[in-house]
Amino acid sequence: MSYVKHDEAIEDAQDRILKTAQRKKKKSKDQTLRYARYVILFTTFPADKYSEADVLEWYRLRWQVELVFKRFKSLAQLGHLPKMDDENSQAWLYGKLMVALLTEKMVRHARTFSPGDTRWKRSEWNDFKFVQNQILRTIEPYYSLNEMIENRGTISKSLIEPPRRRNNQIEKYSPIHQTS
């Protein structure tokens, strides 16, 4: 199936082709510019059951799913599992998926809550990466386990509450200390 694009989309596609050719110091082919006028899809959708508009809508939806998987693989490092036993791999995958899905939800919420200056074209990829880094910085420990074990004395001293300089409220207002 092939569909003719509207004039603005044709112009955008041809501009991208010409800019790419110019950047690579090559000449674009006339037939490449001619093909930029169309959306060409190879599909197994039965032509008698689905209109061209239906096929394009399903393709757009599929493409959005592909982009989510691509973002998860590249930014959330879900492209490969560490070579461990099944339980560890599963725990690793669930943890990564939880962070990725939480990140997606926060980005989606932030885009509806605070769209910002519409003159700036923010990338979903950049938003995802920023939010994911913030989440990871929050949940990842500052020290490795070995560093915590080696420095447990210093760490525990820093967590001890300093002595109070004033009387506790209970002591101050208890009947024993009241004067009449």
N, C-alpha and C. Protein backbone atom coordinates (compact mmCIF):
# COMPACT_ATOMS: atom_id res chain seq x y z
N MET A 1 0.84 -1.17 0.00
CA MET A 1 0.00 0.00 0.00
C MET A 1 0.89 1.23 0.00
N SER A 2 0.48 2.22 -0.75
CA SER A 2 1.21 3.49 -0.70
C SER A 2 0.19 4.62 -0.60
N TYR A 3 0.58 5.66 0.12
CA TYR A 3 -0.28 6.80 0.37
C TYR A 3 0.49 8.05 0.03
N VAL A 4 -0.18 9.00 -0.62
CA VAL A 4 0.45 10.27 -0.94
C VAL A 4 0.38 11.16 0.29
N LYS A 5 1.51 11.75 0.66
CA LYS A 5 1.57 12.66 1.81
C LYS A 5 0.96 14.00 1.43
N HIS A 6 0.61 14.79 2.42
CA HIS A 6 0.14 16.14 2.14
C HIS A 6 1.36 17.01 1.83
N ASP A 7 1.11 18.17 1.22
CA ASP A 7 2.19 19.02 0.70
C ASP A 7 3.24 19.38 1.73
N GLU A 8 2.82 19.73 2.94
CA GLU A 8 3.77 20.13 3.98
C GLU A 8 4.70 18.97 4.37
N ALA A 9 4.13 17.76 4.47
CA ALA A 9 4.93 16.58 4.82
C ALA A 9 5.91 16.24 3.70
N ILE A 10 5.47 16.41 2.46
CA ILE A 10 6.36 16.16 1.32
C ILE A 10 7.54 17.14 1.37
N GLU A 11 7.24 18.40 1.60
CA GLU A 11 8.29 19.43 1.65
C GLU A 11 9.27 19.15 2.79
N ASP A 12 8.76 18.77 3.97
CA ASP A 12 9.64 18.44 5.11
C ASP A 12 10.54 17.26 4.78
N ALA A 13 9.97 16.21 4.20
CA ALA A 13 10.76 15.02 3.87
C ALA A 13 11.84 15.34 2.84
N GLN A 14 11.48 16.10 1.82
CA GLN A 14 12.45 16.44 0.79
C GLN A 14 13.54 17.37 1.35
N ASP A 15 13.18 18.28 2.24
CA ASP A 15 14.18 19.14 2.89
C ASP A 15 15.18 18.32 3.69
N ARG A 16 14.68 17.32 4.43
CA ARG A 16 15.58 16.45 5.21
C ARG A 16 16.53 15.69 4.30
N ILE A 17 16.03 15.21 3.18
CA ILE A 17 16.86 14.47 2.22
C ILE A 17 17.96 15.38 1.66
N LEU A 18 17.57 16.59 1.28
CA LEU A 18 18.55 17.53 0.70
C LEU A 18 19.59 17.95 1.74
N LYS A 19 19.17 18.20 2.98
CA LYS A 19 20.12 18.59 4.03
C LYS A 19 21.09 17.46 4.35
N THR A 20 20.57 16.22 4.39
CA THR A 20 21.45 15.07 4.64
C THR A 20 22.47 14.91 3.53
N ALA A 21 22.01 15.04 2.29
CA ALA A 21 22.93 14.93 1.15
C ALA A 21 23.98 16.04 1.20
N GLN A 22 23.56 17.24 1.54
CA GLN A 22 24.50 18.37 1.62
C GLN A 22 25.52 18.15 2.74
N ARG A 23 25.05 17.65 3.88
CA ARG A 23 25.95 17.39 5.00
C ARG A 23 26.98 16.31 4.64
N LYS A 24 26.55 15.30 3.89
CA LYS A 24 27.45 14.22 3.48
C LYS A 24 28.21 14.54 2.19
N LYS A 25 27.96 15.76 1.69
CA LYS A 25 28.60 16.23 0.45
C LYS A 25 28.34 15.27 -0.72
N LYS A 26 27.08 14.90 -0.83
CA LYS A 26 26.62 14.03 -1.93
C LYS A 26 25.44 14.70 -2.60
N LYS A 27 25.11 14.23 -3.77
CA LYS A 27 23.94 14.74 -4.47
C LYS A 27 22.79 13.75 -4.26
N SER A 28 21.62 14.29 -3.91
CA SER A 28 20.48 13.40 -3.72
C SER A 28 19.92 12.99 -5.09
N LYS A 29 19.41 11.78 -5.15
CA LYS A 29 18.86 11.26 -6.41
C LYS A 29 17.45 11.80 -6.60
N ASP A 30 17.10 12.03 -7.85
CA ASP A 30 15.75 12.51 -8.16
C ASP A 30 14.69 11.51 -7.71
N GLN A 31 14.98 10.23 -7.85
CA GLN A 31 13.97 9.23 -7.48
C GLN A 31 13.79 9.20 -5.95
N THR A 32 14.83 9.51 -5.17
CA THR A 32 14.69 9.58 -3.71
C THR A 32 13.74 10.71 -3.34
N LEU A 33 13.90 11.85 -4.01
CA LEU A 33 12.99 12.98 -3.76
C LEU A 33 11.56 12.64 -4.20
N ARG A 34 11.44 11.87 -5.27
CA ARG A 34 10.12 11.47 -5.76
C ARG A 34 9.45 10.52 -4.76
N TYR A 35 10.24 9.55 -4.20
CA TYR A 35 9.68 8.61 -3.24
C TYR A 35 9.30 9.28 -1.92
N ALA A 36 9.89 10.42 -1.63
CA ALA A 36 9.58 11.14 -0.40
C ALA A 36 8.14 11.66 -0.39
N ARG A 37 7.49 11.61 -1.54
CA ARG A 37 6.09 12.06 -1.64
C ARG A 37 5.11 11.03 -1.06
N TYR A 38 5.61 9.81 -0.79
CA TYR A 38 4.71 8.72 -0.41
C TYR A 38 5.08 8.09 0.93
N VAL A 39 4.06 7.49 1.53
CA VAL A 39 4.26 6.57 2.65
C VAL A 39 4.00 5.19 2.05
N ILE A 40 5.01 4.35 2.09
CA ILE A 40 4.88 3.01 1.51
C ILE A 40 4.93 1.99 2.64
N LEU A 41 3.88 1.21 2.76
CA LEU A 41 3.80 0.19 3.81
C LEU A 41 3.57 -1.18 3.18
N PHE A 42 4.29 -2.14 3.70
CA PHE A 42 4.04 -3.53 3.34
C PHE A 42 3.31 -4.12 4.54
N THR A 43 2.14 -4.66 4.29
CA THR A 43 1.31 -5.11 5.40
C THR A 43 0.60 -6.41 5.07
N THR A 44 0.21 -7.11 6.11
CA THR A 44 -0.59 -8.32 5.94
C THR A 44 -2.06 -8.06 6.27
N PHE A 45 -2.41 -6.79 6.53
CA PHE A 45 -3.81 -6.44 6.77
C PHE A 45 -4.61 -6.74 5.50
N PRO A 46 -5.74 -7.43 5.63
CA PRO A 46 -6.58 -7.69 4.44
C PRO A 46 -7.16 -6.38 3.90
N ALA A 47 -6.92 -6.09 2.64
CA ALA A 47 -7.36 -4.83 2.03
C ALA A 47 -8.88 -4.70 2.02
N ASP A 48 -9.60 -5.82 1.97
CA ASP A 48 -11.06 -5.74 1.94
C ASP A 48 -11.67 -5.44 3.32
N LYS A 49 -10.91 -5.62 4.40
CA LYS A 49 -11.43 -5.38 5.75
C LYS A 49 -10.98 -4.05 6.35
N TYR A 50 -9.83 -3.55 5.92
CA TYR A 50 -9.26 -2.34 6.53
C TYR A 50 -9.03 -1.27 5.48
N SER A 51 -9.45 -0.07 5.81
CA SER A 51 -9.22 1.06 4.91
C SER A 51 -7.77 1.51 5.03
N GLU A 52 -7.34 2.36 4.10
CA GLU A 52 -5.98 2.90 4.16
C GLU A 52 -5.77 3.69 5.44
N ALA A 53 -6.78 4.43 5.86
CA ALA A 53 -6.69 5.21 7.09
C ALA A 53 -6.52 4.30 8.30
N ASP A 54 -7.24 3.16 8.33
CA ASP A 54 -7.11 2.20 9.43
C ASP A 54 -5.70 1.63 9.49
N VAL A 55 -5.16 1.26 8.35
CA VAL A 55 -3.81 0.68 8.29
C VAL A 55 -2.79 1.70 8.79
N LEU A 56 -2.92 2.94 8.35
CA LEU A 56 -2.00 3.99 8.81
C LEU A 56 -2.12 4.23 10.31
N GLU A 57 -3.34 4.21 10.84
CA GLU A 57 -3.54 4.41 12.28
C GLU A 57 -2.89 3.28 13.07
N TRP A 58 -3.07 2.03 12.62
CA TRP A 58 -2.44 0.90 13.29
C TRP A 58 -0.91 1.01 13.19
N TYR A 59 -0.41 1.47 12.06
CA TYR A 59 1.04 1.63 11.89
C TYR A 59 1.57 2.69 12.85
N ARG A 60 0.85 3.81 12.98
CA ARG A 60 1.27 4.86 13.93
C ARG A 60 1.33 4.33 15.36
N LEU A 61 0.32 3.57 15.75
CA LEU A 61 0.28 2.98 17.09
C LEU A 61 1.45 2.02 17.28
N ARG A 62 1.69 1.16 16.30
CA ARG A 62 2.80 0.22 16.37
C ARG A 62 4.13 0.97 16.48
N TRP A 63 4.25 2.05 15.75
CA TRP A 63 5.49 2.82 15.78
C TRP A 63 5.73 3.42 17.17
N GLN A 64 4.67 3.88 17.84
CA GLN A 64 4.82 4.42 19.19
C GLN A 64 5.31 3.34 20.16
N VAL A 65 4.79 2.13 20.01
CA VAL A 65 5.24 1.01 20.84
C VAL A 65 6.72 0.73 20.57
N GLU A 66 7.12 0.74 19.30
CA GLU A 66 8.53 0.52 18.94
C GLU A 66 9.42 1.58 19.57
N LEU A 67 8.96 2.83 19.58
CA LEU A 67 9.77 3.90 20.17
C LEU A 67 9.95 3.71 21.67
N VAL A 68 8.91 3.23 22.35
CA VAL A 68 9.02 2.97 23.79
C VAL A 68 10.06 1.87 24.03
N PHE A 69 9.99 0.78 23.25
CA PHE A 69 10.97 -0.29 23.41
C PHE A 69 12.38 0.20 23.11
N LYS A 70 12.51 1.02 22.07
CA LYS A 70 13.83 1.54 21.72
C LYS A 70 14.37 2.42 22.85
N ARG A 71 13.51 3.26 23.43
CA ARG A 71 13.91 4.13 24.53
C ARG A 71 14.31 3.28 25.75
N PHE A 72 13.53 2.25 26.05
CA PHE A 72 13.85 1.38 27.17
C PHE A 72 15.19 0.67 26.96
N LYS A 73 15.42 0.22 25.73
CA LYS A 73 16.66 -0.50 25.45
C LYS A 73 17.87 0.42 25.52
N SER A 74 17.75 1.61 24.97
CA SER A 74 18.93 2.48 24.91
C SER A 74 19.14 3.26 26.20
N LEU A 75 18.11 3.85 26.76
CA LEU A 75 18.27 4.70 27.94
C LEU A 75 18.19 3.94 29.25
N ALA A 76 17.33 2.93 29.31
CA ALA A 76 17.18 2.17 30.55
C ALA A 76 18.06 0.92 30.55
N GLN A 77 18.86 0.75 29.53
CA GLN A 77 19.77 -0.41 29.40
C GLN A 77 19.04 -1.75 29.57
N LEU A 78 17.89 -1.87 28.92
CA LEU A 78 17.15 -3.13 28.98
C LEU A 78 17.46 -4.04 27.80
N GLY A 79 18.49 -3.71 27.03
CA GLY A 79 18.81 -4.48 25.83
C GLY A 79 19.43 -5.83 26.09
N HIS A 80 20.07 -6.01 27.22
CA HIS A 80 20.70 -7.29 27.52
C HIS A 80 20.67 -7.54 29.02
N LEU A 81 20.48 -8.80 29.37
CA LEU A 81 20.46 -9.19 30.77
C LEU A 81 21.86 -9.60 31.20
N PRO A 82 22.19 -9.33 32.44
CA PRO A 82 23.48 -9.82 32.94
C PRO A 82 23.47 -11.35 32.97
N LYS A 83 24.62 -11.95 32.75
CA LYS A 83 24.71 -13.41 32.70
C LYS A 83 24.79 -13.98 34.12
N MET A 84 23.62 -14.15 34.73
CA MET A 84 23.54 -14.72 36.07
C MET A 84 22.49 -15.81 36.06
N ASP A 85 22.15 -16.29 37.22
CA ASP A 85 21.09 -17.30 37.26
C ASP A 85 19.73 -16.65 36.99
N ASP A 86 18.73 -17.49 36.80
CA ASP A 86 17.39 -17.01 36.42
C ASP A 86 16.80 -16.04 37.43
N GLU A 87 16.93 -16.34 38.72
CA GLU A 87 16.33 -15.47 39.74
C GLU A 87 16.97 -14.08 39.73
N ASN A 88 18.30 -14.03 39.66
CA ASN A 88 18.98 -12.73 39.64
C ASN A 88 18.62 -11.94 38.39
N SER A 89 18.57 -12.62 37.25
CA SER A 89 18.21 -11.94 36.00
C SER A 89 16.80 -11.39 36.07
N GLN A 90 15.90 -12.18 36.64
CA GLN A 90 14.51 -11.75 36.76
C GLN A 90 14.40 -10.54 37.69
N ALA A 91 15.10 -10.58 38.82
CA ALA A 91 15.07 -9.45 39.76
C ALA A 91 15.65 -8.20 39.10
N TRP A 92 16.75 -8.36 38.38
CA TRP A 92 17.39 -7.24 37.67
C TRP A 92 16.42 -6.64 36.66
N LEU A 93 15.76 -7.52 35.88
CA LEU A 93 14.82 -7.06 34.86
C LEU A 93 13.63 -6.33 35.48
N TYR A 94 13.07 -6.89 36.55
CA TYR A 94 11.93 -6.24 37.21
C TYR A 94 12.32 -4.88 37.78
N GLY A 95 13.51 -4.78 38.36
CA GLY A 95 13.97 -3.50 38.88
C GLY A 95 14.13 -2.47 37.78
N LYS A 96 14.76 -2.87 36.68
CA LYS A 96 14.95 -1.96 35.55
C LYS A 96 13.61 -1.55 34.95
N LEU A 97 12.69 -2.51 34.81
CA LEU A 97 11.36 -2.19 34.27
C LEU A 97 10.61 -1.24 35.19
N MET A 98 10.73 -1.46 36.49
CA MET A 98 10.04 -0.57 37.43
C MET A 98 10.55 0.87 37.28
N VAL A 99 11.86 1.04 37.21
CA VAL A 99 12.41 2.38 37.04
C VAL A 99 11.98 2.97 35.69
N ALA A 100 12.03 2.16 34.63
CA ALA A 100 11.66 2.65 33.30
C ALA A 100 10.19 3.06 33.25
N LEU A 101 9.31 2.23 33.81
CA LEU A 101 7.88 2.55 33.78
C LEU A 101 7.56 3.74 34.68
N LEU A 102 8.20 3.83 35.82
CA LEU A 102 8.02 4.99 36.70
C LEU A 102 8.50 6.26 35.99
N THR A 103 9.62 6.15 35.31
CA THR A 103 10.14 7.29 34.55
C THR A 103 9.15 7.72 33.47
N GLU A 104 8.64 6.75 32.70
CA GLU A 104 7.66 7.06 31.65
C GLU A 104 6.45 7.77 32.24
N LYS A 105 5.95 7.26 33.36
CA LYS A 105 4.77 7.86 33.98
C LYS A 105 5.06 9.29 34.44
N MET A 106 6.22 9.50 35.04
CA MET A 106 6.57 10.84 35.52
C MET A 106 6.74 11.82 34.36
N VAL A 107 7.36 11.36 33.28
CA VAL A 107 7.54 12.22 32.10
C VAL A 107 6.18 12.59 31.52
N ARG A 108 5.31 11.59 31.38
CA ARG A 108 3.97 11.84 30.84
C ARG A 108 3.22 12.84 31.71
N HIS A 109 3.30 12.63 33.03
CA HIS A 109 2.62 13.53 33.96
C HIS A 109 3.21 14.94 33.88
N ALA A 110 4.51 15.03 33.85
CA ALA A 110 5.16 16.35 33.79
C ALA A 110 4.81 17.09 32.50
N ARG A 111 4.69 16.37 31.40
CA ARG A 111 4.36 17.02 30.12
C ARG A 111 2.93 17.58 30.14
N THR A 112 2.02 16.93 30.84
CA THR A 112 0.64 17.45 30.90
C THR A 112 0.53 18.53 31.96
N PHE A 113 1.31 18.41 33.02
CA PHE A 113 1.23 19.35 34.12
C PHE A 113 1.93 20.66 33.80
N SER A 114 3.09 20.56 33.18
CA SER A 114 3.89 21.76 32.93
C SER A 114 4.51 21.69 31.54
N PRO A 115 3.75 22.05 30.52
CA PRO A 115 4.29 21.93 29.17
C PRO A 115 5.44 22.89 28.89
N GLY A 116 5.56 23.95 29.66
CA GLY A 116 6.68 24.87 29.48
C GLY A 116 6.51 25.73 28.24
N ASP A 117 7.59 26.31 27.82
CA ASP A 117 7.60 27.19 26.66
C ASP A 117 7.46 26.35 25.40
N THR A 118 6.40 26.55 24.66
CA THR A 118 6.15 25.73 23.48
C THR A 118 7.10 26.03 22.33
N ARG A 119 7.91 27.09 22.45
CA ARG A 119 8.89 27.38 21.40
C ARG A 119 10.05 26.40 21.47
N TRP A 120 10.26 25.79 22.64
CA TRP A 120 11.33 24.82 22.79
C TRP A 120 10.77 23.46 22.44
N LYS A 121 11.43 22.77 21.54
CA LYS A 121 10.98 21.43 21.18
C LYS A 121 11.78 20.45 22.03
N ARG A 122 11.20 20.06 23.15
CA ARG A 122 11.87 19.12 24.04
C ARG A 122 11.70 17.72 23.50
N SER A 123 12.72 16.94 23.65
CA SER A 123 12.70 15.56 23.20
C SER A 123 12.20 14.66 24.32
N GLU A 124 11.35 13.71 23.98
CA GLU A 124 10.91 12.74 24.98
C GLU A 124 12.10 11.95 25.49
N TRP A 125 13.09 11.75 24.62
CA TRP A 125 14.29 11.01 25.00
C TRP A 125 15.04 11.77 26.09
N ASN A 126 15.21 13.09 25.90
CA ASN A 126 15.92 13.89 26.90
C ASN A 126 15.14 13.96 28.21
N ASP A 127 13.82 14.11 28.11
CA ASP A 127 13.00 14.12 29.32
C ASP A 127 13.12 12.80 30.07
N PHE A 128 13.05 11.69 29.31
CA PHE A 128 13.15 10.36 29.91
C PHE A 128 14.50 10.20 30.61
N LYS A 129 15.56 10.58 29.91
CA LYS A 129 16.91 10.42 30.46
C LYS A 129 17.08 11.27 31.73
N PHE A 130 16.58 12.49 31.70
CA PHE A 130 16.69 13.37 32.87
C PHE A 130 15.96 12.78 34.07
N VAL A 131 14.70 12.39 33.87
CA VAL A 131 13.90 11.87 34.98
C VAL A 131 14.50 10.56 35.49
N GLN A 132 14.93 9.70 34.57
CA GLN A 132 15.52 8.43 34.99
C GLN A 132 16.78 8.67 35.84
N ASN A 133 17.62 9.60 35.44
CA ASN A 133 18.81 9.90 36.22
C ASN A 133 18.45 10.40 37.62
N GLN A 134 17.39 11.22 37.72
CA GLN A 134 16.97 11.71 39.02
C GLN A 134 16.48 10.56 39.90
N ILE A 135 15.72 9.65 39.32
CA ILE A 135 15.21 8.50 40.08
C ILE A 135 16.38 7.62 40.53
N LEU A 136 17.30 7.33 39.61
CA LEU A 136 18.43 6.48 39.97
C LEU A 136 19.32 7.12 41.03
N ARG A 137 19.52 8.44 40.94
CA ARG A 137 20.32 9.12 41.96
C ARG A 137 19.65 9.04 43.33
N THR A 138 18.31 8.94 43.33
CA THR A 138 17.58 8.85 44.58
C THR A 138 17.67 7.46 45.19
N ILE A 139 17.61 6.41 44.36
CA ILE A 139 17.55 5.05 44.92
C ILE A 139 18.89 4.34 44.98
N GLU A 140 19.87 4.79 44.21
CA GLU A 140 21.17 4.13 44.26
C GLU A 140 21.95 4.64 45.47
N PRO A 141 22.62 3.73 46.17
CA PRO A 141 23.37 4.17 47.35
C PRO A 141 24.57 5.03 46.95
N TYR A 142 24.90 5.96 47.83
CA TYR A 142 26.04 6.85 47.59
C TYR A 142 27.33 6.06 47.68
N TYR A 143 27.39 5.12 48.66
CA TYR A 143 28.57 4.28 48.85
C TYR A 143 28.26 2.86 48.37
N SER A 144 29.29 2.17 47.89
CA SER A 144 29.12 0.75 47.57
C SER A 144 29.06 -0.02 48.89
N LEU A 145 28.64 -1.26 48.82
CA LEU A 145 28.53 -2.07 50.03
C LEU A 145 29.90 -2.21 50.70
N ASN A 146 30.95 -2.43 49.93
CA ASN A 146 32.30 -2.55 50.50
C ASN A 146 32.72 -1.26 51.20
N GLU A 147 32.42 -0.11 50.58
CA GLU A 147 32.77 1.18 51.20
C GLU A 147 32.01 1.38 52.50
N MET A 148 30.74 0.95 52.52
CA MET A 148 29.96 1.09 53.76
C MET A 148 30.53 0.21 54.86
N ILE A 149 30.95 -1.00 54.52
CA ILE A 149 31.51 -1.90 55.53
C ILE A 149 32.83 -1.34 56.05
N GLU A 150 33.68 -0.87 55.13
CA GLU A 150 34.98 -0.33 55.53
C GLU A 150 34.84 0.94 56.38
N ASN A 151 33.84 1.74 56.11
CA ASN A 151 33.67 3.04 56.79
C ASN A 151 32.50 3.04 57.76
N ARG A 152 32.10 1.88 58.26
CA ARG A 152 30.90 1.80 59.10
C ARG A 152 31.02 2.66 60.36
N GLY A 153 32.22 2.77 60.93
CA GLY A 153 32.41 3.59 62.13
C GLY A 153 32.13 5.06 61.85
N THR A 154 32.73 5.57 60.79
CA THR A 154 32.53 6.98 60.42
C THR A 154 31.08 7.24 60.05
N ILE A 155 30.49 6.32 59.30
CA ILE A 155 29.09 6.49 58.88
C ILE A 155 28.17 6.49 60.09
N SER A 156 28.38 5.53 61.00
CA SER A 156 27.49 5.46 62.16
C SER A 156 27.65 6.69 63.05
N LYS A 157 28.88 7.22 63.19
CA LYS A 157 29.08 8.45 63.97
C LYS A 157 28.34 9.63 63.35
N SER A 158 28.33 9.68 62.01
CA SER A 158 27.65 10.80 61.35
C SER A 158 26.13 10.70 61.48
N LEU A 159 25.62 9.50 61.77
CA LEU A 159 24.18 9.32 61.90
C LEU A 159 23.68 9.51 63.33
N ILE A 160 24.60 9.54 64.29
CA ILE A 160 24.21 9.71 65.69
C ILE A 160 23.68 11.12 65.89
N GLU A 161 22.58 11.22 66.60
CA GLU A 161 22.00 12.53 66.89
C GLU A 161 22.88 13.27 67.88
N PRO A 162 23.20 14.53 67.59
CA PRO A 162 24.05 15.28 68.53
C PRO A 162 23.30 15.52 69.84
N PRO A 163 24.06 15.72 70.93
CA PRO A 163 23.39 15.96 72.22
C PRO A 163 22.58 17.26 72.18
N ARG A 164 21.47 17.25 72.89
CA ARG A 164 20.60 18.42 72.91
C ARG A 164 21.18 19.48 73.83
N ARG A 165 20.97 20.72 73.49
CA ARG A 165 21.45 21.83 74.30
C ARG A 165 20.39 22.34 75.26
N ARG A 166 19.17 21.89 75.08
CA ARG A 166 18.10 22.33 75.96
C ARG A 166 17.40 21.12 76.54
N ASN A 167 16.60 21.32 77.55
CA ASN A 167 15.89 20.21 78.19
C ASN A 167 14.81 19.69 77.25
N ASN A 168 14.59 18.40 77.32
CA ASN A 168 13.50 17.81 76.56
C ASN A 168 12.18 18.40 77.02
N GLN A 169 11.21 18.47 76.16
CA GLN A 169 9.91 19.04 76.50
C GLN A 169 9.25 18.27 77.65
N ILE A 170 9.43 16.96 77.66
CA ILE A 170 8.80 16.15 78.71
C ILE A 170 9.38 16.55 80.07
N GLU A 171 10.71 16.70 80.12
CA GLU A 171 11.34 17.10 81.39
C GLU A 171 10.93 18.51 81.79
N LYS A 172 10.84 19.40 80.85
CA LYS A 172 10.52 20.79 81.13
C LYS A 172 9.12 20.95 81.71
N TYR A 173 8.17 20.17 81.22
CA TYR A 173 6.79 20.35 81.63
C TYR A 173 6.26 19.23 82.53
N SER A 174 7.12 18.37 83.01
CA SER A 174 6.64 17.29 83.89
C SER A 174 6.31 17.88 85.27
N PRO A 175 5.38 17.29 86.03
CA PRO A 175 4.97 17.84 87.33
C PRO A 175 6.11 17.96 88.33
N ILE A 176 7.13 17.16 88.21
CA ILE A 176 8.24 17.18 89.18
C ILE A 176 9.00 18.50 89.08
N HIS A 177 9.16 19.03 87.86
CA HIS A 177 9.94 20.24 87.65
C HIS A 177 9.11 21.53 87.75
N GLN A 178 7.82 21.39 87.90
CA GLN A 178 7.00 22.60 87.96
C GLN A 178 7.14 23.28 89.32
N THR A 179 7.19 24.57 89.28
CA THR A 179 7.23 25.34 90.52
C THR A 179 5.89 26.07 90.69
N SER A 180 5.41 26.16 91.91
CA SER A 180 4.14 26.82 92.11
C SER A 180 4.28 28.16 92.77
